[in-house]
């Protein structure tokens, strides 16, 4: 069940990063994903495990729409390390992160 929720969240995130498409719930979905990511980072999950989880979700999104997989992978490669750094070292705010990546 959690994987389906996360999949839906990443679908919203990646759709939000695809140009010329508007997906209204993307902000809410992004904030939910970032909140989950915060709990993963602050648990015993390693960064490599988190990246693997996200890459697997991107691959699943590719079955829905090929462009989503590419957008998701780009997001993971370019933004995930910075997001994890914010969680670990800064006063993490999911809303601010989602705004900075263009989901809100």
PDB file of N, CA and C in Angstrom:
ATOM      1  N   UNK A   1       0.823  -1.191   0.000  1.00  0.00           N
ATOM      2  CA  UNK A   1       0.000   0.000   0.000  1.00  0.00           C
ATOM      3  C   UNK A   1       0.867   1.254   0.000  1.00  0.00           C
ATOM      4  N   UNK A   2       1.931   1.258   0.820  1.00  0.00           N
ATOM      5  CA  UNK A   2       2.815   2.414   0.898  1.00  0.00           C
ATOM      6  C   UNK A   2       3.467   2.677  -0.456  1.00  0.00           C
ATOM      7  N   UNK A   3       3.844   1.592  -1.156  1.00  0.00           N
ATOM      8  CA  UNK A   3       4.470   1.772  -2.467  1.00  0.00           C
ATOM      9  C   UNK A   3       3.508   2.419  -3.449  1.00  0.00           C
ATOM     10  N   UNK A   4       2.241   2.069  -3.387  1.00  0.00           N
ATOM     11  CA  UNK A   4       1.257   2.678  -4.279  1.00  0.00           C
ATOM     12  C   UNK A   4       1.085   4.158  -3.974  1.00  0.00           C
ATOM     13  N   UNK A   5       1.093   4.497  -2.697  1.00  0.00           N
ATOM     14  CA  UNK A   5       0.977   5.900  -2.305  1.00  0.00           C
ATOM     15  C   UNK A   5       2.191   6.673  -2.801  1.00  0.00           C
ATOM     16  N   UNK A   6       3.359   6.104  -2.606  1.00  0.00           N
ATOM     17  CA  UNK A   6       4.588   6.763  -3.037  1.00  0.00           C
ATOM     18  C   UNK A   6       4.623   6.878  -4.554  1.00  0.00           C
ATOM     19  N   UNK A   7       4.181   5.824  -5.238  1.00  0.00           N
ATOM     20  CA  UNK A   7       4.121   5.855  -6.696  1.00  0.00           C
ATOM     21  C   UNK A   7       3.224   6.993  -7.159  1.00  0.00           C
ATOM     22  N   UNK A   8       2.070   7.123  -6.546  1.00  0.00           N
ATOM     23  CA  UNK A   8       1.163   8.208  -6.907  1.00  0.00           C
ATOM     24  C   UNK A   8       1.797   9.565  -6.634  1.00  0.00           C
ATOM     25  N   UNK A   9       2.526   9.652  -5.544  1.00  0.00           N
ATOM     26  CA  UNK A   9       3.195  10.904  -5.194  1.00  0.00           C
ATOM     27  C   UNK A   9       4.260  11.268  -6.216  1.00  0.00           C
ATOM     28  N   UNK A  10       5.073  10.283  -6.588  1.00  0.00           N
ATOM     29  CA  UNK A  10       6.111  10.569  -7.569  1.00  0.00           C
ATOM     30  C   UNK A  10       5.514  10.839  -8.941  1.00  0.00           C
ATOM     31  N   UNK A  11       4.390  10.230  -9.248  1.00  0.00           N
ATOM     32  CA  UNK A  11       3.705  10.539 -10.508  1.00  0.00           C
ATOM     33  C   UNK A  11       3.331  12.020 -10.518  1.00  0.00           C
ATOM     34  N   UNK A  12       2.808  12.480  -9.398  1.00  0.00           N
ATOM     35  CA  UNK A  12       2.461  13.893  -9.292  1.00  0.00           C
ATOM     36  C   UNK A  12       3.676  14.786  -9.405  1.00  0.00           C
ATOM     37  N   UNK A  13       4.750  14.388  -8.784  1.00  0.00           N
ATOM     38  CA  UNK A  13       5.981  15.169  -8.852  1.00  0.00           C
ATOM     39  C   UNK A  13       6.514  15.244 -10.266  1.00  0.00           C
ATOM     40  N   UNK A  14       6.582  14.094 -10.929  1.00  0.00           N
ATOM     41  CA  UNK A  14       7.155  14.091 -12.264  1.00  0.00           C
ATOM     42  C   UNK A  14       6.239  14.777 -13.259  1.00  0.00           C
ATOM     43  N   UNK A  15       4.950  14.643 -13.101  1.00  0.00           N
ATOM     44  CA  UNK A  15       4.036  15.359 -13.981  1.00  0.00           C
ATOM     45  C   UNK A  15       4.196  16.862 -13.764  1.00  0.00           C
ATOM     46  N   UNK A  16       4.448  17.248 -12.536  1.00  0.00           N
ATOM     47  CA  UNK A  16       4.626  18.667 -12.235  1.00  0.00           C
ATOM     48  C   UNK A  16       5.879  19.220 -12.890  1.00  0.00           C
ATOM     49  N   UNK A  17       6.872  18.372 -13.176  1.00  0.00           N
ATOM     50  CA  UNK A  17       8.105  18.841 -13.782  1.00  0.00           C
ATOM     51  C   UNK A  17       8.081  18.761 -15.303  1.00  0.00           C
ATOM     52  N   UNK A  18       7.046  18.158 -15.884  1.00  0.00           N
ATOM     53  CA  UNK A  18       6.922  18.091 -17.337  1.00  0.00           C
ATOM     54  C   UNK A  18       6.392  19.429 -17.826  1.00  0.00           C
ATOM     55  N   UNK A  19       7.117  20.105 -18.724  1.00  0.00           N
ATOM     56  CA  UNK A  19       6.689  21.420 -19.182  1.00  0.00           C
ATOM     57  C   UNK A  19       5.323  21.384 -19.870  1.00  0.00           C
ATOM     58  N   UNK A  20       4.612  22.507 -19.783  1.00  0.00           N
ATOM     59  CA  UNK A  20       3.348  22.733 -20.466  1.00  0.00           C
ATOM     60  C   UNK A  20       2.218  21.827 -19.999  1.00  0.00           C
ATOM     61  N   UNK A  21       2.381  21.170 -18.890  1.00  0.00           N
ATOM     62  CA  UNK A  21       1.298  20.384 -18.333  1.00  0.00           C
ATOM     63  C   UNK A  21       0.980  20.942 -16.953  1.00  0.00           C
ATOM     64  N   UNK A  22      -0.281  20.985 -16.632  1.00  0.00           N
ATOM     65  CA  UNK A  22      -0.679  21.482 -15.326  1.00  0.00           C
ATOM     66  C   UNK A  22      -1.376  20.365 -14.582  1.00  0.00           C
ATOM     67  N   UNK A  23      -0.887  20.102 -13.398  1.00  0.00           N
ATOM     68  CA  UNK A  23      -1.423  19.040 -12.560  1.00  0.00           C
ATOM     69  C   UNK A  23      -1.649  19.642 -11.192  1.00  0.00           C
ATOM     70  N   UNK A  24      -2.858  20.086 -10.923  1.00  0.00           N
ATOM     71  CA  UNK A  24      -3.173  20.838  -9.717  1.00  0.00           C
ATOM     72  C   UNK A  24      -2.761  20.152  -8.410  1.00  0.00           C
ATOM     73  N   UNK A  25      -3.007  18.859  -8.233  1.00  0.00           N
ATOM     74  CA  UNK A  25      -2.657  18.244  -6.951  1.00  0.00           C
ATOM     75  C   UNK A  25      -1.155  18.000  -6.769  1.00  0.00           C
ATOM     76  N   UNK A  26      -0.341  18.400  -7.725  1.00  0.00           N
ATOM     77  CA  UNK A  26       1.089  18.114  -7.662  1.00  0.00           C
ATOM     78  C   UNK A  26       1.737  18.639  -6.380  1.00  0.00           C
ATOM     79  N   UNK A  27       1.338  19.814  -5.950  1.00  0.00           N
ATOM     80  CA  UNK A  27       1.926  20.397  -4.743  1.00  0.00           C
ATOM     81  C   UNK A  27       1.615  19.545  -3.516  1.00  0.00           C
ATOM     82  N   UNK A  28       0.369  19.168  -3.362  1.00  0.00           N
ATOM     83  CA  UNK A  28      -0.024  18.346  -2.218  1.00  0.00           C
ATOM     84  C   UNK A  28       0.693  17.001  -2.243  1.00  0.00           C
ATOM     85  N   UNK A  29       0.750  16.411  -3.415  1.00  0.00           N
ATOM     86  CA  UNK A  29       1.424  15.118  -3.563  1.00  0.00           C
ATOM     87  C   UNK A  29       2.906  15.260  -3.241  1.00  0.00           C
ATOM     88  N   UNK A  30       3.515  16.321  -3.746  1.00  0.00           N
ATOM     89  CA  UNK A  30       4.942  16.559  -3.485  1.00  0.00           C
ATOM     90  C   UNK A  30       5.204  16.705  -1.993  1.00  0.00           C
ATOM     91  N   UNK A  31       4.385  17.491  -1.318  1.00  0.00           N
ATOM     92  CA  UNK A  31       4.575  17.689   0.126  1.00  0.00           C
ATOM     93  C   UNK A  31       4.452  16.347   0.855  1.00  0.00           C
ATOM     94  N   UNK A  32       3.522  15.514   0.439  1.00  0.00           N
ATOM     95  CA  UNK A  32       3.381  14.186   1.047  1.00  0.00           C
ATOM     96  C   UNK A  32       4.636  13.343   0.824  1.00  0.00           C
ATOM     97  N   UNK A  33       5.164  13.356  -0.399  1.00  0.00           N
ATOM     98  CA  UNK A  33       6.378  12.587  -0.705  1.00  0.00           C
ATOM     99  C   UNK A  33       7.556  13.109   0.114  1.00  0.00           C
ATOM    100  N   UNK A  34       7.699  14.429   0.189  1.00  0.00           N
ATOM    101  CA  UNK A  34       8.820  15.000   0.936  1.00  0.00           C
ATOM    102  C   UNK A  34       8.714  14.676   2.424  1.00  0.00           C
ATOM    103  N   UNK A  35       7.507  14.622   2.935  1.00  0.00           N
ATOM    104  CA  UNK A  35       7.313  14.245   4.331  1.00  0.00           C
ATOM    105  C   UNK A  35       7.717  12.787   4.548  1.00  0.00           C
ATOM    106  N   UNK A  36       7.326  11.909   3.612  1.00  0.00           N
ATOM    107  CA  UNK A  36       7.749  10.503   3.687  1.00  0.00           C
ATOM    108  C   UNK A  36       9.263  10.385   3.557  1.00  0.00           C
ATOM    109  N   UNK A  37       9.831  11.146   2.638  1.00  0.00           N
ATOM    110  CA  UNK A  37      11.281  11.123   2.448  1.00  0.00           C
ATOM    111  C   UNK A  37      12.000  11.539   3.722  1.00  0.00           C
ATOM    112  N   UNK A  38      11.464  12.524   4.397  1.00  0.00           N
ATOM    113  CA  UNK A  38      12.031  12.975   5.673  1.00  0.00           C
ATOM    114  C   UNK A  38      12.065  11.826   6.677  1.00  0.00           C
ATOM    115  N   UNK A  39      10.992  11.057   6.745  1.00  0.00           N
ATOM    116  CA  UNK A  39      10.972   9.947   7.705  1.00  0.00           C
ATOM    117  C   UNK A  39      11.939   8.838   7.291  1.00  0.00           C
ATOM    118  N   UNK A  40      12.122   8.617   5.981  1.00  0.00           N
ATOM    119  CA  UNK A  40      13.097   7.608   5.533  1.00  0.00           C
ATOM    120  C   UNK A  40      14.515   8.038   5.888  1.00  0.00           C
ATOM    121  N   UNK A  41      14.822   9.319   5.622  1.00  0.00           N
ATOM    122  CA  UNK A  41      16.179   9.808   5.855  1.00  0.00           C
ATOM    123  C   UNK A  41      16.518   9.772   7.338  1.00  0.00           C
ATOM    124  N   UNK A  42      15.545  10.056   8.182  1.00  0.00           N
ATOM    125  CA  UNK A  42      15.813  10.079   9.617  1.00  0.00           C
ATOM    126  C   UNK A  42      15.684   8.702  10.259  1.00  0.00           C
ATOM    127  N   UNK A  43      15.391   7.691   9.446  1.00  0.00           N
ATOM    128  CA  UNK A  43      15.363   6.312   9.958  1.00  0.00           C
ATOM    129  C   UNK A  43      16.690   5.644   9.595  1.00  0.00           C
ATOM    130  N   UNK A  44      16.721   4.328   9.614  1.00  0.00           N
ATOM    131  CA  UNK A  44      17.948   3.597   9.296  1.00  0.00           C
ATOM    132  C   UNK A  44      18.166   3.385   7.806  1.00  0.00           C
ATOM    133  N   UNK A  45      17.328   3.949   6.958  1.00  0.00           N
ATOM    134  CA  UNK A  45      17.457   3.799   5.515  1.00  0.00           C
ATOM    135  C   UNK A  45      18.663   4.589   5.022  1.00  0.00           C
ATOM    136  N   UNK A  46      19.501   3.941   4.206  1.00  0.00           N
ATOM    137  CA  UNK A  46      20.678   4.631   3.672  1.00  0.00           C
ATOM    138  C   UNK A  46      20.297   5.463   2.457  1.00  0.00           C
ATOM    139  N   UNK A  47      21.166   6.400   2.106  1.00  0.00           N
ATOM    140  CA  UNK A  47      20.906   7.226   0.926  1.00  0.00           C
ATOM    141  C   UNK A  47      20.838   6.358  -0.329  1.00  0.00           C
ATOM    142  N   UNK A  48      21.697   5.369  -0.415  1.00  0.00           N
ATOM    143  CA  UNK A  48      21.684   4.464  -1.575  1.00  0.00           C
ATOM    144  C   UNK A  48      20.357   3.711  -1.671  1.00  0.00           C
ATOM    145  N   UNK A  49      19.827   3.287  -0.529  1.00  0.00           N
ATOM    146  CA  UNK A  49      18.534   2.599  -0.528  1.00  0.00           C
ATOM    147  C   UNK A  49      17.411   3.535  -0.973  1.00  0.00           C
ATOM    148  N   UNK A  50      17.473   4.769  -0.519  1.00  0.00           N
ATOM    149  CA  UNK A  50      16.458   5.750  -0.911  1.00  0.00           C
ATOM    150  C   UNK A  50      16.521   6.003  -2.416  1.00  0.00           C
ATOM    151  N   UNK A  51      17.722   6.165  -2.942  1.00  0.00           N
ATOM    152  CA  UNK A  51      17.884   6.375  -4.382  1.00  0.00           C
ATOM    153  C   UNK A  51      17.346   5.168  -5.148  1.00  0.00           C
ATOM    154  N   UNK A  52      17.648   3.952  -4.677  1.00  0.00           N
ATOM    155  CA  UNK A  52      17.143   2.743  -5.329  1.00  0.00           C
ATOM    156  C   UNK A  52      15.617   2.704  -5.331  1.00  0.00           C
ATOM    157  N   UNK A  53      15.016   3.053  -4.207  1.00  0.00           N
ATOM    158  CA  UNK A  53      13.548   3.081  -4.122  1.00  0.00           C
ATOM    159  C   UNK A  53      12.993   4.060  -5.149  1.00  0.00           C
ATOM    160  N   UNK A  54      13.584   5.230  -5.206  1.00  0.00           N
ATOM    161  CA  UNK A  54      13.094   6.253  -6.125  1.00  0.00           C
ATOM    162  C   UNK A  54      13.292   5.836  -7.584  1.00  0.00           C
ATOM    163  N   UNK A  55      14.431   5.239  -7.895  1.00  0.00           N
ATOM    164  CA  UNK A  55      14.687   4.778  -9.265  1.00  0.00           C
ATOM    165  C   UNK A  55      13.687   3.691  -9.664  1.00  0.00           C
ATOM    166  N   UNK A  56      13.368   2.794  -8.742  1.00  0.00           N
ATOM    167  CA  UNK A  56      12.368   1.766  -9.028  1.00  0.00           C
ATOM    168  C   UNK A  56      11.005   2.395  -9.299  1.00  0.00           C
ATOM    169  N   UNK A  57      10.656   3.403  -8.521  1.00  0.00           N
ATOM    170  CA  UNK A  57       9.393   4.094  -8.752  1.00  0.00           C
ATOM    171  C   UNK A  57       9.388   4.791 -10.109  1.00  0.00           C
ATOM    172  N   UNK A  58      10.526   5.350 -10.488  1.00  0.00           N
ATOM    173  CA  UNK A  58      10.621   5.989 -11.804  1.00  0.00           C
ATOM    174  C   UNK A  58      10.392   4.962 -12.914  1.00  0.00           C
ATOM    175  N   UNK A  59      10.968   3.776 -12.742  1.00  0.00           N
ATOM    176  CA  UNK A  59      10.794   2.722 -13.744  1.00  0.00           C
ATOM    177  C   UNK A  59       9.321   2.325 -13.863  1.00  0.00           C
ATOM    178  N   UNK A  60       8.638   2.227 -12.733  1.00  0.00           N
ATOM    179  CA  UNK A  60       7.212   1.893 -12.759  1.00  0.00           C
ATOM    180  C   UNK A  60       6.435   2.994 -13.469  1.00  0.00           C
ATOM    181  N   UNK A  61       6.804   4.240 -13.226  1.00  0.00           N
ATOM    182  CA  UNK A  61       6.136   5.348 -13.901  1.00  0.00           C
ATOM    183  C   UNK A  61       6.320   5.260 -15.410  1.00  0.00           C
ATOM    184  N   UNK A  62       7.454   4.708 -15.844  1.00  0.00           N
ATOM    185  CA  UNK A  62       7.707   4.539 -17.268  1.00  0.00           C
ATOM    186  C   UNK A  62       6.704   3.632 -17.939  1.00  0.00           C
ATOM    187  N   UNK A  63       6.124   2.717 -17.184  1.00  0.00           N
ATOM    188  CA  UNK A  63       5.081   1.857 -17.743  1.00  0.00           C
ATOM    189  C   UNK A  63       3.793   2.623 -17.977  1.00  0.00           C
ATOM    190  N   UNK A  64       3.585   3.673 -17.192  1.00  0.00           N
ATOM    191  CA  UNK A  64       2.387   4.493 -17.334  1.00  0.00           C
ATOM    192  C   UNK A  64       2.562   5.452 -18.515  1.00  0.00           C
ATOM    193  N   UNK A  65       3.692   6.137 -18.539  1.00  0.00           N
ATOM    194  CA  UNK A  65       4.003   7.088 -19.596  1.00  0.00           C
ATOM    195  C   UNK A  65       5.515   7.219 -19.674  1.00  0.00           C
ATOM    196  N   UNK A  66       6.092   6.923 -20.826  1.00  0.00           N
ATOM    197  CA  UNK A  66       7.548   6.886 -20.981  1.00  0.00           C
ATOM    198  C   UNK A  66       8.211   8.194 -20.550  1.00  0.00           C
ATOM    199  N   UNK A  67       7.591   9.321 -20.857  1.00  0.00           N
ATOM    200  CA  UNK A  67       8.172  10.614 -20.478  1.00  0.00           C
ATOM    201  C   UNK A  67       8.273  10.780 -18.965  1.00  0.00           C
ATOM    202  N   UNK A  68       7.374  10.158 -18.234  1.00  0.00           N
ATOM    203  CA  UNK A  68       7.404  10.272 -16.778  1.00  0.00           C
ATOM    204  C   UNK A  68       8.661   9.635 -16.199  1.00  0.00           C
ATOM    205  N   UNK A  69       9.081   8.521 -16.764  1.00  0.00           N
ATOM    206  CA  UNK A  69      10.281   7.867 -16.252  1.00  0.00           C
ATOM    207  C   UNK A  69      11.494   8.774 -16.413  1.00  0.00           C
ATOM    208  N   UNK A  70      11.648   9.367 -17.575  1.00  0.00           N
ATOM    209  CA  UNK A  70      12.790  10.258 -17.807  1.00  0.00           C
ATOM    210  C   UNK A  70      12.745  11.473 -16.887  1.00  0.00           C
ATOM    211  N   UNK A  71      11.576  12.074 -16.740  1.00  0.00           N
ATOM    212  CA  UNK A  71      11.440  13.239 -15.856  1.00  0.00           C
ATOM    213  C   UNK A  71      11.730  12.868 -14.411  1.00  0.00           C
ATOM    214  N   UNK A  72      11.224  11.722 -13.995  1.00  0.00           N
ATOM    215  CA  UNK A  72      11.439  11.252 -12.632  1.00  0.00           C
ATOM    216  C   UNK A  72      12.916  10.986 -12.375  1.00  0.00           C
ATOM    217  N   UNK A  73      13.579  10.301 -13.309  1.00  0.00           N
ATOM    218  CA  UNK A  73      15.011  10.018 -13.153  1.00  0.00           C
ATOM    219  C   UNK A  73      15.829  11.296 -13.092  1.00  0.00           C
ATOM    220  N   UNK A  74      15.466  12.268 -13.907  1.00  0.00           N
ATOM    221  CA  UNK A  74      16.163  13.558 -13.868  1.00  0.00           C
ATOM    222  C   UNK A  74      15.982  14.215 -12.508  1.00  0.00           C
ATOM    223  N   UNK A  75      14.760  14.182 -12.007  1.00  0.00           N
ATOM    224  CA  UNK A  75      14.478  14.755 -10.692  1.00  0.00           C
ATOM    225  C   UNK A  75      15.295  14.062  -9.609  1.00  0.00           C
ATOM    226  N   UNK A  76      15.343  12.737  -9.648  1.00  0.00           N
ATOM    227  CA  UNK A  76      16.103  11.974  -8.653  1.00  0.00           C
ATOM    228  C   UNK A  76      17.585  12.309  -8.749  1.00  0.00           C
ATOM    229  N   UNK A  77      18.118  12.321  -9.963  1.00  0.00           N
ATOM    230  CA  UNK A  77      19.552  12.572 -10.138  1.00  0.00           C
ATOM    231  C   UNK A  77      19.948  13.993  -9.778  1.00  0.00           C
ATOM    232  N   UNK A  78      19.123  14.961 -10.144  1.00  0.00           N
ATOM    233  CA  UNK A  78      19.497  16.358  -9.954  1.00  0.00           C
ATOM    234  C   UNK A  78      19.066  16.944  -8.619  1.00  0.00           C
ATOM    235  N   UNK A  79      17.961  16.485  -8.060  1.00  0.00           N
ATOM    236  CA  UNK A  79      17.403  17.129  -6.878  1.00  0.00           C
ATOM    237  C   UNK A  79      17.495  16.312  -5.596  1.00  0.00           C
ATOM    238  N   UNK A  80      17.464  14.984  -5.703  1.00  0.00           N
ATOM    239  CA  UNK A  80      17.387  14.164  -4.496  1.00  0.00           C
ATOM    240  C   UNK A  80      18.556  14.376  -3.538  1.00  0.00           C
ATOM    241  N   UNK A  81      19.809  14.419  -4.010  1.00  0.00           N
ATOM    242  CA  UNK A  81      20.907  14.656  -3.044  1.00  0.00           C
ATOM    243  C   UNK A  81      20.751  15.969  -2.285  1.00  0.00           C
ATOM    244  N   UNK A  82      20.311  17.003  -2.967  1.00  0.00           N
ATOM    245  CA  UNK A  82      20.101  18.298  -2.318  1.00  0.00           C
ATOM    246  C   UNK A  82      18.958  18.237  -1.305  1.00  0.00           C
ATOM    247  N   UNK A  83      17.912  17.531  -1.664  1.00  0.00           N
ATOM    248  CA  UNK A  83      16.770  17.387  -0.746  1.00  0.00           C
ATOM    249  C   UNK A  83      17.186  16.625   0.505  1.00  0.00           C
ATOM    250  N   UNK A  84      17.938  15.544   0.307  1.00  0.00           N
ATOM    251  CA  UNK A  84      18.426  14.763   1.459  1.00  0.00           C
ATOM    252  C   UNK A  84      19.327  15.628   2.330  1.00  0.00           C
ATOM    253  N   UNK A  85      20.169  16.442   1.706  1.00  0.00           N
ATOM    254  CA  UNK A  85      21.040  17.346   2.457  1.00  0.00           C
ATOM    255  C   UNK A  85      20.218  18.337   3.281  1.00  0.00           C
ATOM    256  N   UNK A  86      19.148  18.847   2.709  1.00  0.00           N
ATOM    257  CA  UNK A  86      18.284  19.765   3.450  1.00  0.00           C
ATOM    258  C   UNK A  86      17.635  19.075   4.642  1.00  0.00           C
ATOM    259  N   UNK A  87      17.252  17.834   4.460  1.00  0.00           N
ATOM    260  CA  UNK A  87      16.642  17.092   5.557  1.00  0.00           C
ATOM    261  C   UNK A  87      17.629  16.907   6.694  1.00  0.00           C
ATOM    262  N   UNK A  88      18.860  16.560   6.336  1.00  0.00           N
ATOM    263  CA  UNK A  88      19.870  16.237   7.340  1.00  0.00           C
ATOM    264  C   UNK A  88      20.449  17.487   7.991  1.00  0.00           C
ATOM    265  N   UNK A  89      20.725  18.527   7.211  1.00  0.00           N
ATOM    266  CA  UNK A  89      21.511  19.648   7.711  1.00  0.00           C
ATOM    267  C   UNK A  89      20.762  20.955   7.925  1.00  0.00           C
ATOM    268  N   UNK A  90      19.575  21.075   7.388  1.00  0.00           N
ATOM    269  CA  UNK A  90      18.864  22.347   7.474  1.00  0.00           C
ATOM    270  C   UNK A  90      17.501  22.137   8.118  1.00  0.00           C
ATOM    271  N   UNK A  91      16.838  23.214   8.351  1.00  0.00           N
ATOM    272  CA  UNK A  91      15.483  23.155   8.890  1.00  0.00           C
ATOM    273  C   UNK A  91      14.552  22.783   7.744  1.00  0.00           C
ATOM    274  N   UNK A  92      14.368  21.495   7.525  1.00  0.00           N
ATOM    275  CA  UNK A  92      13.629  20.960   6.385  1.00  0.00           C
ATOM    276  C   UNK A  92      12.177  21.403   6.417  1.00  0.00           C
ATOM    277  N   UNK A  93      11.728  21.932   5.294  1.00  0.00           N
ATOM    278  CA  UNK A  93      10.340  22.336   5.141  1.00  0.00           C
ATOM    279  C   UNK A  93       9.841  21.763   3.819  1.00  0.00           C
ATOM    280  N   UNK A  94       9.003  20.732   3.862  1.00  0.00           N
ATOM    281  CA  UNK A  94       8.530  20.095   2.619  1.00  0.00           C
ATOM    282  C   UNK A  94       7.909  21.074   1.635  1.00  0.00           C
ATOM    283  N   UNK A  95       7.142  22.036   2.116  1.00  0.00           N
ATOM    284  CA  UNK A  95       6.510  23.025   1.230  1.00  0.00           C
ATOM    285  C   UNK A  95       7.563  23.831   0.471  1.00  0.00           C
ATOM    286  N   UNK A  96       8.624  24.257   1.147  1.00  0.00           N
ATOM    287  CA  UNK A  96       9.679  25.036   0.502  1.00  0.00           C
ATOM    288  C   UNK A  96      10.407  24.208  -0.548  1.00  0.00           C
ATOM    289  N   UNK A  97      10.675  22.939  -0.223  1.00  0.00           N
ATOM    290  CA  UNK A  97      11.352  22.064  -1.172  1.00  0.00           C
ATOM    291  C   UNK A  97      10.500  21.899  -2.422  1.00  0.00           C
ATOM    292  N   UNK A  98       9.223  21.653  -2.250  1.00  0.00           N
ATOM    293  CA  UNK A  98       8.322  21.459  -3.394  1.00  0.00           C
ATOM    294  C   UNK A  98       8.209  22.711  -4.235  1.00  0.00           C
ATOM    295  N   UNK A  99       8.236  23.852  -3.596  1.00  0.00           N
ATOM    296  CA  UNK A  99       8.228  25.113  -4.336  1.00  0.00           C
ATOM    297  C   UNK A  99       9.520  25.259  -5.124  1.00  0.00           C
ATOM    298  N   UNK A 100      10.640  24.904  -4.520  1.00  0.00           N
ATOM    299  CA  UNK A 100      11.932  25.084  -5.188  1.00  0.00           C
ATOM    300  C   UNK A 100      12.106  24.146  -6.390  1.00  0.00           C
ATOM    301  N   UNK A 101      11.453  23.000  -6.389  1.00  0.00           N
ATOM    302  CA  UNK A 101      11.575  22.092  -7.542  1.00  0.00           C
ATOM    303  C   UNK A 101      10.446  22.288  -8.556  1.00  0.00           C
ATOM    304  N   UNK A 102       9.587  23.252  -8.292  1.00  0.00           N
ATOM    305  CA  UNK A 102       8.554  23.609  -9.254  1.00  0.00           C
ATOM    306  C   UNK A 102       7.249  22.843  -9.138  1.00  0.00           C
ATOM    307  N   UNK A 103       7.065  22.088  -8.086  1.00  0.00           N
ATOM    308  CA  UNK A 103       5.812  21.337  -7.910  1.00  0.00           C
ATOM    309  C   UNK A 103       4.709  22.209  -7.308  1.00  0.00           C
ATOM    310  N   UNK A 104       5.092  23.260  -6.614  1.00  0.00           N
ATOM    311  CA  UNK A 104       4.099  24.154  -5.997  1.00  0.00           C
ATOM    312  C   UNK A 104       4.242  25.563  -6.564  1.00  0.00           C
TER     313      UNK A 104
END
